[in-house]
Amino acid sequence: MIFMYESDVENKYCRLIRNSGGIAYKFTSPGRRGVPDRLIILPIPEEHQELINKYVWFVELKAPGKKPKKHQLNEIRALQKLGMRVDVVDK
């Protein structure tokens, strides 16, 4: 049996996801115990985008009239490139 730390498994898994063209976000939910470690997003085939985006999407919340910062826009674009719906809400 080969000894590995959890971080070794996580790094290997995240590399696999990146090599598949996806994103592996570290996921935390303050105040909620037992939430899984990672949120995996793989490219959605175009023929499935409408169905998936009916049930799953991302929302960036901003104060009224404020726009996303550059690093937030980069994340929004990365998710959209995978076929995900991303809305920016400021009202």
Protein backbone atom coordinates (compact mmCIF):
# COMPACT_ATOMS: atom_id res chain seq x y z
CA MET A 1 0.00 0.00 0.00
CA ILE A 2 1.35 3.43 -0.98
CA PHE A 3 0.95 6.18 1.57
CA MET A 4 -0.54 9.43 0.26
CA TYR A 5 -1.76 12.53 1.99
CA GLU A 6 -5.22 13.86 1.17
CA SER A 7 -3.51 16.85 -0.48
CA ASP A 8 -1.66 14.44 -2.82
CA VAL A 9 -4.94 12.84 -3.87
CA GLU A 10 -6.53 16.27 -4.30
CA ASN A 11 -3.65 17.58 -6.43
CA LYS A 12 -3.69 14.49 -8.65
CA TYR A 13 -7.47 14.70 -9.07
CA CYS A 14 -7.43 18.43 -9.87
CA ARG A 15 -4.72 17.88 -12.48
CA LEU A 16 -6.91 15.19 -14.09
CA ILE A 17 -9.84 17.61 -14.22
CA ARG A 18 -7.69 20.41 -15.74
CA ASN A 19 -6.32 17.97 -18.32
CA SER A 20 -9.94 17.15 -19.23
CA GLY A 21 -10.58 20.83 -19.91
CA GLY A 22 -12.51 21.45 -16.71
CA ILE A 23 -12.27 23.50 -13.54
CA ALA A 24 -11.99 22.08 -10.00
CA TYR A 25 -13.00 24.81 -7.57
CA LYS A 26 -12.17 24.40 -3.89
CA PHE A 27 -15.59 24.47 -2.30
CA THR A 28 -16.41 25.74 1.17
CA SER A 29 -19.73 26.63 2.69
CA PRO A 30 -19.33 28.45 6.02
CA GLY A 31 -21.79 27.27 8.62
CA ARG A 32 -22.50 24.03 6.78
CA ARG A 33 -20.52 20.98 7.82
CA GLY A 34 -19.85 18.01 5.57
CA VAL A 35 -19.84 19.86 2.25
CA PRO A 36 -17.69 18.07 -0.36
CA ASP A 37 -14.18 19.41 -1.01
CA ARG A 38 -14.43 20.27 -4.70
CA LEU A 39 -16.93 21.55 -7.23
CA ILE A 40 -16.08 20.08 -10.63
CA ILE A 41 -17.18 21.75 -13.85
CA LEU A 42 -16.48 20.00 -17.14
CA PRO A 43 -17.20 21.38 -20.61
CA ILE A 44 -20.89 20.99 -21.47
CA PRO A 45 -21.63 19.71 -24.97
CA GLU A 46 -23.59 22.36 -26.85
CA GLU A 47 -26.61 20.09 -27.24
CA HIS A 48 -26.93 19.82 -23.42
CA GLN A 49 -26.27 23.46 -22.45
CA GLU A 50 -29.92 24.58 -22.50
CA LEU A 51 -31.02 21.78 -20.19
CA ILE A 52 -28.14 22.10 -17.75
CA ASN A 53 -28.36 25.91 -17.63
CA LYS A 54 -32.03 25.59 -16.75
CA TYR A 55 -31.03 24.00 -13.44
CA VAL A 56 -27.46 25.13 -12.69
CA TRP A 57 -25.92 28.56 -13.04
CA PHE A 58 -23.57 30.95 -11.32
CA VAL A 59 -24.44 34.42 -10.05
CA GLU A 60 -22.02 37.25 -9.26
CA LEU A 61 -23.77 39.69 -6.92
CA LYS A 62 -22.70 43.35 -7.03
CA ALA A 63 -23.86 46.57 -5.37
CA PRO A 64 -26.20 48.63 -7.59
CA GLY A 65 -24.29 50.07 -10.54
CA LYS A 66 -21.05 48.24 -9.71
CA LYS A 67 -19.31 46.02 -12.26
CA PRO A 68 -17.25 42.84 -11.75
CA LYS A 69 -13.52 43.32 -11.21
CA LYS A 70 -10.98 41.97 -13.69
CA HIS A 71 -10.34 38.72 -11.77
CA GLN A 72 -14.10 38.16 -11.48
CA LEU A 73 -14.54 38.73 -15.22
CA ASN A 74 -11.78 36.18 -15.85
CA GLU A 75 -13.68 33.56 -13.81
CA ILE A 76 -16.98 34.45 -15.50
CA ARG A 77 -15.39 34.00 -18.93
CA ALA A 78 -13.79 30.68 -17.93
CA LEU A 79 -17.18 29.33 -16.80
CA GLN A 80 -18.93 30.63 -19.91
CA LYS A 81 -16.28 29.00 -22.07
CA LEU A 82 -17.28 25.68 -20.50
CA GLY A 83 -20.89 26.39 -21.46
CA MET A 84 -22.12 27.51 -18.03
CA ARG A 85 -24.64 30.27 -17.47
CA VAL A 86 -23.24 33.16 -15.42
CA ASP A 87 -25.35 36.16 -14.45
CA VAL A 88 -24.17 39.42 -12.88
CA VAL A 89 -26.89 40.88 -10.65
CA ASP A 90 -26.67 44.44 -9.27
CA LYS A 91 -30.28 45.14 -8.27
